[in-house]
Amino acid sequence: MTELLSMTGIDKQFPGVRALKGVDFSLKAGEVHTLVGENGAGKSTLINILFGALHADSGSIFLNGKQVHISHPNDAHKYGIHAVQQHFSLIPTMTVAENLFYGHHHVRKGVLIDWKLLKNEAAELMKSLGFGRVPVMERIDRLSVAEGQRVEIAKAILLKPKILIMDEPSAVLPEQDIENLFRIIRKLKSEGVGIIYISHHLDEVFEISDRISVLKDGENVDTITPDMVDQQGLVKMMVGREISDMFPQRVHRQGEEVLRLESVTTKHINDISFQLHKGEVLGISGLVGSGRTELCRALFGLDRIESGTVEVYGKKIEKGKTSEFIREGMGFVTEDRHKDGLILSNSVNTNITFVGSKKISKAGFINRKSDRDSAERFVRKMRIATPHLDQKVKFLSGGNQQKVVLSKWLFVEPKILLLDEPTRGIDVGAKVEIYKLINDLVQQDYSVIMVSSELQEIIQMSDRILVMRNGSIAGEFNRENITEETIIACASGI
């Protein structure tokens, strides 16, 4: 196979962090070369340098044997390098069709857009990729995260890349979409496209990769083929230690009822009733669009409850406002940490303490020492990798950003935590840390509602599981009597 890309001696330093240390990477035509490593290993930094979003401090990039200088994404596009990004590059106020064909002049009649052609070509493209369910005339900001990811993939493919970067493309996709994604990748390979694939899902890595490169602490560990190592061996290369127990075990001690829903209905969910107990992890499963996230939003006052009742510790929530739910002891880790969970331009310190600022305030003034001491305590407790408290959160890895979101709510000390896709886009080591944290919390009489698209995660971590379909609860199961097949059948209405 022809070598499309060679990156040699790539170095990159951020304030207080040397992100890349002389990294080498290559890609051949018609190859999937997967990058793996813990959050903070340097994967995103490396591909952002290739894509022109960051500048390397030193090192060289060669395309088809010729040295090139990529200082902006427009340069990357000129060379046929395109990306499916983990955090979308879509314009939220535009429709799916407008995002797909933005800048494509063939959909214009003079200075006007040919809306019929735009709609038809968008629908045809999405259908050809197996994404026909996405409404092409809907605005991006009204789509689910999974639907947005489908649009991001379609937009990149429409540009006919020579090199396609796919950064966690399956992280928000339901399992039934992942095989479709692999079908698309195999077709691109057959056309000679080189694909750089980043994923924390190791089963995907072994299924789709021709070569695997492991980064750790900004350095090359090794480049191997999938037949040279098993999953356990790859994990050890990534994290520097063996992880023998992915899902730590605990004894379930169900206590008193802490939350009760009776016939709760919103614009997106219908007639939802269930109870949550002290010391319990209640899993919420279902296909994308089944109402999982919308249930959490209703429980946190973000979607208006049209009918039904919610009681927290026996007290009826009257107005259904977010402030009321927080006051009664609830916290919500949303599925999109960049959009809803963090203030990316602010510091680690501010992000950890701003929701619970009343705890460190007197007469309306924040005690700066208490503020920094509290943030420092969570940085140590959660093992957040940051050079200092004043580091802007946008410069942290995905796993460390997720730990900041969790710290924000643990600082408030809610007794009921809503966790929507809490391990989305983070590495296996960080996942195990979060699993252990959840177990520790329920042992301290916290109660957890956890939404997850990963079936093994929801089965192994939950005491009970509710399966949703079309905005309603389609089934309830105990951990002991549920399988992946049971969940899929229930969620699909089989």
Protein backbone atom coordinates (compact mmCIF):
# COMPACT_ATOMS: atom_id res chain seq x y z
CA MET A 1 0.00 0.00 0.00
CA THR A 2 1.17 3.52 -0.84
CA GLU A 3 2.21 5.68 2.12
CA LEU A 4 -0.11 8.69 2.21
CA LEU A 5 1.13 10.33 5.38
CA SER A 6 4.23 10.47 7.54
CA MET A 7 4.48 12.59 10.68
CA THR A 8 7.94 12.59 12.25
CA GLY A 9 9.29 13.99 15.52
CA ILE A 10 6.10 15.90 16.40
CA ASP A 11 6.52 17.98 19.56
CA LYS A 12 3.89 20.15 21.24
CA GLN A 13 3.93 22.02 24.54
CA PHE A 14 1.04 23.71 26.33
CA PRO A 15 1.41 25.81 29.49
CA GLY A 16 2.66 23.37 32.12
CA VAL A 17 2.20 20.29 29.90
CA ARG A 18 4.35 18.71 27.19
CA ALA A 19 1.59 17.05 25.20
CA LEU A 20 3.71 15.38 22.50
CA LYS A 21 7.33 14.28 22.71
CA GLY A 22 8.83 13.44 19.32
CA VAL A 23 5.87 11.37 18.08
CA ASP A 24 6.05 9.49 14.76
CA PHE A 25 2.95 8.33 12.88
CA SER A 26 2.26 7.06 9.35
CA LEU A 27 -0.78 6.12 7.26
CA LYS A 28 -1.14 4.09 4.07
CA ALA A 29 -3.79 4.29 1.37
CA GLY A 30 -6.73 2.00 2.07
CA GLU A 31 -5.68 1.49 5.71
CA VAL A 32 -7.35 2.04 9.06
CA HIS A 33 -4.61 3.08 11.49
CA THR A 34 -6.06 3.37 14.99
CA LEU A 35 -4.69 5.63 17.70
CA VAL A 36 -5.26 4.45 21.27
CA GLY A 37 -4.16 5.62 24.69
CA GLU A 38 -5.47 7.08 27.90
CA ASN A 39 -7.11 10.51 27.92
CA GLY A 40 -4.25 12.97 27.88
CA ALA A 41 -1.95 10.60 25.97
CA GLY A 42 -1.73 13.08 23.08
CA LYS A 43 -4.07 11.53 20.48
CA SER A 44 -6.26 14.59 19.92
CA THR A 45 -3.25 16.91 19.95
CA LEU A 46 -1.58 14.87 17.21
CA ILE A 47 -4.60 14.84 14.90
CA ASN A 48 -5.32 18.52 15.56
CA ILE A 49 -1.80 19.30 14.34
CA LEU A 50 -2.42 17.23 11.20
CA PHE A 51 -5.76 19.00 10.70
CA GLY A 52 -4.24 22.47 11.17
CA ALA A 53 -6.17 23.31 14.33
CA LEU A 54 -2.89 23.36 16.31
CA HIS A 55 0.69 24.13 15.35
CA ALA A 56 3.51 21.76 16.26
CA ASP A 57 6.51 23.22 18.08
CA SER A 58 8.75 20.97 15.99
CA GLY A 59 8.54 18.00 13.62
CA SER A 60 7.57 17.42 10.00
CA ILE A 61 4.55 16.29 7.98
CA PHE A 62 4.90 14.53 4.64
CA LEU A 63 2.05 13.75 2.22
CA ASN A 64 2.87 11.29 -0.56
CA GLY A 65 6.53 11.78 0.29
CA LYS A 66 6.49 15.58 -0.02
CA GLN A 67 6.90 17.82 3.02
CA VAL A 68 3.91 20.11 3.62
CA HIS A 69 3.04 22.88 6.06
CA ILE A 70 -0.50 22.77 7.46
CA SER A 71 -1.25 25.89 9.47
CA HIS A 72 -5.06 26.00 9.18
CA PRO A 73 -7.92 23.53 8.55
CA ASN A 74 -8.30 25.12 5.10
CA ASP A 75 -4.78 23.88 4.29
CA ALA A 76 -5.78 20.39 5.44
CA HIS A 77 -8.89 20.48 3.24
CA LYS A 78 -6.75 21.53 0.27
CA TYR A 79 -4.70 18.35 0.73
CA GLY A 80 -7.83 16.19 1.06
CA ILE A 81 -7.64 15.80 4.86
CA HIS A 82 -11.05 15.92 6.55
CA ALA A 83 -12.29 15.02 10.02
CA VAL A 84 -15.23 13.58 11.90
CA GLN A 85 -14.71 15.41 15.15
CA GLN A 86 -15.67 14.27 18.65
CA HIS A 87 -17.14 17.71 19.33
CA PHE A 88 -19.13 18.71 16.30
CA SER A 89 -18.04 21.27 13.71
CA LEU A 90 -21.66 21.77 12.63
CA ILE A 91 -23.49 25.12 12.66
CA PRO A 92 -26.27 24.60 15.24
CA THR A 93 -28.74 27.16 13.85
CA MET A 94 -28.63 25.68 10.33
CA THR A 95 -30.53 22.63 9.13
CA VAL A 96 -28.95 19.26 8.40
CA ALA A 97 -29.15 19.91 4.64
CA GLU A 98 -27.61 23.38 4.97
CA ASN A 99 -24.73 22.01 7.02
CA LEU A 100 -24.08 19.22 4.51
CA PHE A 101 -23.99 21.48 1.46
CA TYR A 102 -22.64 24.70 3.01
CA GLY A 103 -20.38 26.24 0.35
CA HIS A 104 -21.53 23.86 -2.41
CA HIS A 105 -22.56 26.17 -5.26
CA HIS A 106 -24.35 23.49 -7.31
CA VAL A 107 -27.37 23.81 -4.98
CA ARG A 108 -27.90 27.44 -5.98
CA LYS A 109 -29.98 29.15 -8.64
CA GLY A 110 -27.90 32.24 -9.16
CA VAL A 111 -27.69 33.87 -5.75
CA LEU A 112 -30.64 31.88 -4.37
CA ILE A 113 -30.59 28.39 -2.84
CA ASP A 114 -32.47 25.68 -4.71
CA TRP A 115 -34.24 24.35 -1.63
CA LYS A 116 -35.85 21.41 -3.40
CA LEU A 117 -32.49 20.23 -4.78
CA LEU A 118 -30.84 20.83 -1.41
CA LYS A 119 -33.44 18.76 0.42
CA ASN A 120 -33.46 15.93 -2.13
CA GLU A 121 -29.67 15.59 -2.32
CA ALA A 122 -29.34 15.71 1.48
CA ALA A 123 -32.00 13.04 1.91
CA GLU A 124 -30.39 10.86 -0.79
CA LEU A 125 -26.93 11.16 0.82
CA MET A 126 -28.18 10.33 4.31
CA LYS A 127 -30.19 7.37 3.00
CA SER A 128 -27.18 6.01 1.07
CA LEU A 129 -25.15 6.01 4.30
CA GLY A 130 -27.86 4.27 6.30
CA PHE A 131 -28.81 7.49 8.13
CA GLY A 132 -32.18 7.97 6.44
CA ARG A 133 -34.01 8.50 9.75
CA VAL A 134 -32.31 11.88 10.31
CA PRO A 135 -34.71 14.72 9.29
CA VAL A 136 -32.68 16.75 6.78
CA MET A 137 -34.67 19.99 7.17
CA GLU A 138 -34.39 20.03 10.97
CA ARG A 139 -31.98 22.39 12.69
CA ILE A 140 -28.85 20.82 14.20
CA ASP A 141 -29.55 22.20 17.68
CA ARG A 142 -32.86 20.29 17.72
CA LEU A 143 -31.27 16.91 16.97
CA SER A 144 -30.09 14.32 19.45
CA VAL A 145 -26.33 13.94 19.94
CA ALA A 146 -26.40 10.66 17.98
CA GLU A 147 -28.22 12.30 15.07
CA GLY A 148 -25.66 15.10 15.07
CA GLN A 149 -22.87 12.52 14.87
CA ARG A 150 -24.51 10.95 11.82
CA VAL A 151 -24.56 14.36 10.13
CA GLU A 152 -20.91 14.96 11.06
CA ILE A 153 -19.94 11.65 9.42
CA ALA A 154 -22.01 12.37 6.29
CA LYS A 155 -20.53 15.86 5.91
CA ALA A 156 -16.96 14.54 6.02
CA ILE A 157 -17.67 11.78 3.48
CA LEU A 158 -19.38 14.23 1.10
CA LEU A 159 -16.05 16.10 0.86
CA LYS A 160 -14.41 12.99 -0.70
CA PRO A 161 -11.40 12.80 1.62
CA LYS A 162 -8.05 11.23 0.80
CA ILE A 163 -7.32 11.06 4.53
CA LEU A 164 -10.23 10.87 6.98
CA ILE A 165 -9.73 11.46 10.70
CA MET A 166 -12.44 9.83 12.84
CA ASP A 167 -12.22 10.93 16.48
CA GLU A 168 -14.50 8.73 18.62
CA PRO A 169 -17.09 8.42 15.82
CA SER A 170 -19.04 5.69 17.63
CA ALA A 171 -19.02 7.23 21.11
CA VAL A 172 -22.60 8.52 20.86
CA LEU A 173 -23.97 6.09 18.31
CA PRO A 174 -26.34 3.30 19.33
CA GLU A 175 -25.02 -0.21 18.83
CA GLN A 176 -27.18 -0.84 15.77
CA ASP A 177 -25.47 2.10 14.00
CA ILE A 178 -21.91 0.93 14.64
CA GLU A 179 -21.96 -1.92 12.11
CA ASN A 180 -23.29 0.58 9.58
CA LEU A 181 -20.35 2.85 10.44
CA PHE A 182 -17.95 -0.04 9.82
CA ARG A 183 -19.63 -0.71 6.46
CA ILE A 184 -18.95 2.91 5.50
CA ILE A 185 -15.33 2.61 6.63
CA ARG A 186 -14.76 -0.58 4.63
CA LYS A 187 -16.17 1.09 1.51
CA LEU A 188 -13.84 4.07 1.99
CA LYS A 189 -10.89 1.68 2.41
CA SER A 190 -11.75 -0.04 -0.83
CA GLU A 191 -11.59 3.36 -2.54
CA GLY A 192 -8.06 3.96 -1.21
CA VAL A 193 -8.96 6.40 1.56
CA GLY A 194 -6.60 6.33 4.54
CA ILE A 195 -8.44 6.47 7.87
CA ILE A 196 -7.07 7.56 11.23
CA TYR A 197 -9.45 6.10 13.81
CA ILE A 198 -9.54 7.01 17.50
CA SER A 199 -11.64 4.95 19.90
CA HIS A 200 -11.76 3.84 23.52
CA HIS A 201 -13.91 0.84 22.56
CA LEU A 202 -11.33 -1.90 22.27
CA ASP A 203 -13.65 -4.40 20.57
CA GLU A 204 -14.01 -1.85 17.75
CA VAL A 205 -10.25 -1.32 17.62
CA PHE A 206 -9.64 -5.01 17.01
CA GLU A 207 -12.46 -5.32 14.48
CA ILE A 208 -11.68 -2.35 12.25
CA SER A 209 -7.90 -1.74 12.52
CA ASP A 210 -5.09 -2.69 10.13
CA ARG A 211 -2.52 -1.16 12.48
CA ILE A 212 -2.72 0.17 16.05
CA SER A 213 -0.45 2.86 17.50
CA VAL A 214 -0.33 3.29 21.27
CA LEU A 215 0.47 6.68 22.84
CA LYS A 216 1.20 7.22 26.51
CA ASP A 217 2.11 10.54 28.15
CA GLY A 218 2.73 12.08 24.72
CA GLU A 219 5.14 9.41 23.50
CA ASN A 220 5.02 6.46 21.12
CA VAL A 221 4.74 3.16 22.99
CA ASP A 222 4.51 0.89 19.94
CA THR A 223 2.79 0.31 16.59
CA ILE A 224 1.36 -3.20 16.19
CA THR A 225 -1.18 -5.21 14.20
CA PRO A 226 -4.31 -6.61 15.91
CA ASP A 227 -2.99 -10.17 15.78
CA MET A 228 0.04 -9.25 17.90
CA VAL A 229 -1.85 -8.57 21.16
CA ASP A 230 -5.16 -9.25 22.95
CA GLN A 231 -7.39 -6.67 24.66
CA GLN A 232 -5.79 -7.16 28.06
CA GLY A 233 -2.34 -6.70 26.58
CA LEU A 234 -3.41 -3.56 24.74
CA VAL A 235 -4.88 -2.10 27.95
CA LYS A 236 -1.58 -2.74 29.74
CA MET A 237 0.30 -0.92 26.97
CA MET A 238 -2.09 2.04 27.27
CA VAL A 239 -2.28 2.46 31.04
CA GLY A 240 0.97 0.83 32.16
CA ARG A 241 -0.78 -1.72 34.36
CA GLU A 242 -3.22 -4.59 34.11
CA ILE A 243 -6.90 -3.93 34.77
CA SER A 244 -8.24 -7.25 35.94
CA ASP A 245 -11.71 -6.14 37.03
CA MET A 246 -13.38 -3.76 34.58
CA PHE A 247 -16.58 -3.61 36.61
CA PRO A 248 -15.77 -3.58 40.34
CA GLN A 249 -18.22 -5.61 42.38
CA ARG A 250 -20.22 -4.38 45.38
CA VAL A 251 -22.97 -5.64 47.63
CA HIS A 252 -26.34 -4.09 46.85
CA ARG A 253 -27.96 -2.68 50.01
CA GLN A 254 -31.30 -1.15 49.00
CA GLY A 255 -32.62 1.39 51.47
CA GLU A 256 -35.63 3.64 51.78
CA GLU A 257 -37.41 5.22 48.84
CA VAL A 258 -35.84 8.56 47.87
CA LEU A 259 -37.56 9.36 44.57
CA ARG A 260 -40.99 8.55 43.17
CA LEU A 261 -42.50 9.38 39.78
CA GLU A 262 -46.18 8.89 39.14
CA SER A 263 -47.49 9.14 35.55
CA VAL A 264 -44.99 11.86 34.56
CA THR A 265 -45.58 13.22 31.07
CA THR A 266 -43.67 15.90 29.15
CA LYS A 267 -43.48 16.82 25.48
CA HIS A 268 -41.06 13.90 24.97
CA ILE A 269 -41.96 11.21 27.54
CA ASN A 270 -45.30 9.67 28.44
CA ASP A 271 -46.79 8.24 31.64
CA ILE A 272 -43.50 7.44 33.41
CA SER A 273 -43.76 5.84 36.85
CA PHE A 274 -40.98 4.31 38.96
CA GLN A 275 -39.22 4.53 42.32
CA LEU A 276 -35.56 4.96 43.27
CA HIS A 277 -34.10 3.80 46.59
CA LYS A 278 -31.20 4.86 48.77
CA GLY A 279 -27.99 3.09 47.78
CA GLU A 280 -29.34 1.97 44.40
CA VAL A 281 -28.05 2.31 40.83
CA LEU A 282 -31.04 2.43 38.49
CA GLY A 283 -29.97 1.94 34.87
CA ILE A 284 -31.89 3.49 31.97
CA SER A 285 -31.46 1.77 28.61
CA GLY A 286 -33.09 2.05 25.21
CA LEU A 287 -32.39 3.09 21.64
CA VAL A 288 -31.43 6.64 20.71
CA GLY A 289 -34.62 8.72 20.69
CA SER A 290 -36.39 6.44 23.18
CA GLY A 291 -36.62 9.21 25.79
CA ARG A 292 -33.68 8.35 28.09
CA THR A 293 -32.11 11.82 28.12
CA GLU A 294 -35.52 13.48 28.12
CA LEU A 295 -36.40 11.59 31.31
CA CYS A 296 -33.31 13.01 33.00
CA ARG A 297 -34.11 16.49 31.72
CA ALA A 298 -37.61 16.27 33.20
CA LEU A 299 -36.16 15.09 36.50
CA PHE A 300 -33.91 18.15 36.61
CA GLY A 301 -36.49 20.74 35.60
CA LEU A 302 -35.07 21.29 32.11
CA ASP A 303 -38.20 20.01 30.34
CA ARG A 304 -41.61 21.12 31.65
CA ILE A 305 -43.67 18.40 33.31
CA GLU A 306 -47.15 18.62 31.79
CA SER A 307 -48.81 16.10 34.11
CA GLY A 308 -47.94 13.63 36.86
CA THR A 309 -45.98 14.08 40.08
CA VAL A 310 -42.38 13.85 41.29
CA GLU A 311 -41.57 13.34 44.96
CA VAL A 312 -38.05 13.61 46.41
CA TYR A 313 -37.70 12.15 49.91
CA GLY A 314 -41.49 12.25 50.19
CA LYS A 315 -41.70 15.94 49.28
CA LYS A 316 -43.64 16.84 46.16
CA ILE A 317 -41.77 19.05 43.69
CA GLU A 318 -44.26 21.83 43.07
CA LYS A 319 -42.89 24.11 40.34
CA GLY A 320 -40.52 21.71 38.63
CA LYS A 321 -37.69 24.25 38.33
CA THR A 322 -34.04 23.22 38.19
CA SER A 323 -33.24 25.27 41.29
CA GLU A 324 -35.93 23.34 43.17
CA PHE A 325 -34.46 19.96 42.18
CA ILE A 326 -30.95 21.07 43.18
CA ARG A 327 -32.27 22.37 46.52
CA GLU A 328 -33.90 19.00 47.18
CA GLY A 329 -30.60 17.20 46.62
CA MET A 330 -30.26 16.32 42.93
CA GLY A 331 -27.38 16.74 40.48
CA PHE A 332 -27.21 16.09 36.73
CA VAL A 333 -24.13 15.08 34.72
CA THR A 334 -25.33 15.68 31.14
CA GLU A 335 -24.33 13.61 28.10
CA ASP A 336 -22.61 16.56 26.37
CA ARG A 337 -20.05 17.99 28.78
CA HIS A 338 -18.92 20.68 26.33
CA LYS A 339 -22.39 22.02 25.64
CA ASP A 340 -24.06 21.66 29.05
CA GLY A 341 -21.55 20.56 31.68
CA LEU A 342 -18.59 22.93 31.60
CA ILE A 343 -17.59 26.55 31.08
CA LEU A 344 -14.74 25.68 28.74
CA SER A 345 -13.05 29.08 28.81
CA ASN A 346 -12.94 29.12 32.63
CA SER A 347 -10.52 27.47 35.03
CA VAL A 348 -10.66 24.06 36.66
CA ASN A 349 -11.18 25.87 39.98
CA THR A 350 -14.20 27.87 38.76
CA ASN A 351 -15.84 24.88 37.08
CA ILE A 352 -15.64 22.77 40.23
CA THR A 353 -17.03 25.33 42.67
CA PHE A 354 -19.37 27.70 40.81
CA VAL A 355 -22.61 25.67 41.24
CA GLY A 356 -21.94 25.22 44.96
CA SER A 357 -20.57 28.72 45.53
CA LYS A 358 -23.01 29.32 48.42
CA LYS A 359 -21.03 26.78 50.48
CA ILE A 360 -17.93 28.99 50.34
CA SER A 361 -19.66 32.38 50.53
CA LYS A 362 -20.58 34.72 53.34
CA ALA A 363 -22.76 37.82 52.91
CA GLY A 364 -22.53 37.31 49.15
CA PHE A 365 -18.72 37.23 49.03
CA ILE A 366 -16.74 34.11 48.13
CA ASN A 367 -14.00 33.07 50.54
CA ARG A 368 -11.11 32.69 48.10
CA LYS A 369 -9.13 30.37 50.37
CA SER A 370 -12.09 28.03 50.87
CA ASP A 371 -12.77 28.20 47.15
CA ARG A 372 -9.25 27.06 46.18
CA ASP A 373 -8.98 24.56 49.02
CA SER A 374 -12.25 22.93 47.89
CA ALA A 375 -11.15 22.75 44.26
CA GLU A 376 -7.75 21.36 45.26
CA ARG A 377 -9.41 18.69 47.37
CA PHE A 378 -11.42 17.42 44.37
CA VAL A 379 -8.42 17.59 42.03
CA ARG A 380 -6.62 15.23 44.44
CA LYS A 381 -9.65 13.04 45.19
CA MET A 382 -10.64 12.61 41.52
CA ARG A 383 -7.03 12.50 40.28
CA ILE A 384 -7.66 15.26 37.76
CA ALA A 385 -4.54 15.68 35.63
CA THR A 386 -4.03 19.44 35.44
CA PRO A 387 -0.85 21.52 35.87
CA HIS A 388 -2.66 23.94 38.22
CA LEU A 389 -6.13 25.04 39.36
CA ASP A 390 -6.16 28.00 36.98
CA GLN A 391 -5.77 25.84 33.87
CA LYS A 392 -8.66 26.43 31.45
CA VAL A 393 -10.85 23.34 31.24
CA LYS A 394 -10.77 23.35 27.43
CA PHE A 395 -7.12 22.30 27.58
CA LEU A 396 -7.81 19.15 29.64
CA SER A 397 -8.32 15.71 28.10
CA GLY A 398 -11.86 14.36 27.77
CA GLY A 399 -11.53 12.05 30.78
CA ASN A 400 -10.26 14.84 33.00
CA GLN A 401 -13.02 17.15 31.81
CA GLN A 402 -15.54 14.48 32.82
CA LYS A 403 -13.94 14.26 36.26
CA VAL A 404 -14.35 18.04 36.61
CA VAL A 405 -18.08 17.73 35.79
CA LEU A 406 -18.47 14.99 38.40
CA SER A 407 -16.49 17.06 40.93
CA LYS A 408 -18.80 20.02 40.36
CA TRP A 409 -21.79 18.00 41.50
CA LEU A 410 -20.02 16.10 44.27
CA PHE A 411 -19.01 19.47 45.74
CA VAL A 412 -22.71 20.39 45.94
CA GLU A 413 -23.28 17.05 47.77
CA PRO A 414 -26.50 15.90 46.12
CA LYS A 415 -27.92 12.61 47.38
CA ILE A 416 -29.41 11.71 43.99
CA LEU A 417 -27.18 11.82 40.90
CA LEU A 418 -28.45 11.66 37.33
CA LEU A 419 -25.61 10.40 35.10
CA ASP A 420 -26.31 10.60 31.35
CA GLU A 421 -23.60 8.66 29.46
CA PRO A 422 -21.01 9.26 32.24
CA THR A 423 -18.20 7.40 30.43
CA ARG A 424 -18.78 8.72 26.92
CA GLY A 425 -15.49 9.31 25.09
CA ILE A 426 -13.12 8.42 27.91
CA ASP A 427 -10.44 5.75 28.12
CA VAL A 428 -10.67 2.38 29.83
CA GLY A 429 -8.61 3.46 32.85
CA ALA A 430 -10.79 6.52 33.48
CA LYS A 431 -13.92 4.39 33.00
CA VAL A 432 -12.84 2.03 35.77
CA GLU A 433 -12.19 5.02 38.05
CA ILE A 434 -15.72 6.31 37.41
CA TYR A 435 -17.21 2.86 38.01
CA LYS A 436 -15.39 2.69 41.35
CA LEU A 437 -16.59 6.20 42.19
CA ILE A 438 -20.22 5.22 41.49
CA ASN A 439 -19.83 2.14 43.72
CA ASP A 440 -18.28 4.25 46.49
CA LEU A 441 -21.12 6.77 46.28
CA VAL A 442 -23.91 4.22 46.61
CA GLN A 443 -22.08 2.64 49.55
CA GLN A 444 -22.31 6.12 51.13
CA ASP A 445 -26.11 6.05 50.55
CA TYR A 446 -26.13 8.14 47.38
CA SER A 447 -28.68 7.05 44.77
CA VAL A 448 -27.81 7.01 41.08
CA ILE A 449 -29.84 7.01 37.88
CA MET A 450 -27.48 6.10 35.03
CA VAL A 451 -28.22 6.33 31.30
CA SER A 452 -25.84 4.40 29.05
CA SER A 453 -25.73 3.15 25.47
CA GLU A 454 -23.11 0.53 26.40
CA LEU A 455 -25.08 -2.58 27.21
CA GLN A 456 -22.44 -4.32 29.32
CA GLU A 457 -21.93 -1.11 31.30
CA ILE A 458 -25.64 -0.79 32.06
CA ILE A 459 -25.95 -4.50 32.97
CA GLN A 460 -22.85 -4.69 35.15
CA MET A 461 -23.32 -1.38 37.01
CA SER A 462 -27.10 -1.36 37.63
CA ASP A 463 -29.17 -2.99 40.37
CA ARG A 464 -32.34 -2.53 38.29
CA ILE A 465 -32.76 -1.56 34.64
CA LEU A 466 -35.61 0.30 32.97
CA VAL A 467 -35.77 -0.11 29.19
CA MET A 468 -37.42 2.78 27.31
CA ARG A 469 -39.13 2.80 23.94
CA ASN A 470 -41.00 5.66 22.25
CA GLY A 471 -40.92 7.83 25.36
CA SER A 472 -42.34 5.20 27.70
CA ILE A 473 -41.01 2.43 29.93
CA ALA A 474 -41.17 -0.80 27.92
CA GLY A 475 -39.76 -3.10 30.60
CA GLU A 476 -38.16 -3.35 34.04
CA PHE A 477 -35.54 -5.96 34.90
CA ASN A 478 -33.31 -6.95 37.79
CA ARG A 479 -29.63 -7.32 37.07
CA GLU A 480 -29.77 -11.07 37.67
CA ASN A 481 -32.29 -11.78 34.90
CA ILE A 482 -31.22 -9.55 32.01
CA THR A 483 -28.95 -10.01 28.99
CA GLU A 484 -27.92 -7.80 26.08
CA GLU A 485 -30.39 -9.70 23.90
CA THR A 486 -33.21 -9.00 26.40
CA ILE A 487 -32.49 -5.27 26.35
CA ILE A 488 -32.31 -5.08 22.55
CA ALA A 489 -35.52 -7.06 22.12
CA CYS A 490 -37.40 -4.92 24.64
CA ALA A 491 -36.03 -1.65 23.26
CA SER A 492 -36.93 -2.68 19.72
CA GLY A 493 -40.45 -3.84 20.60
CA ILE A 494 -39.77 -7.45 19.62
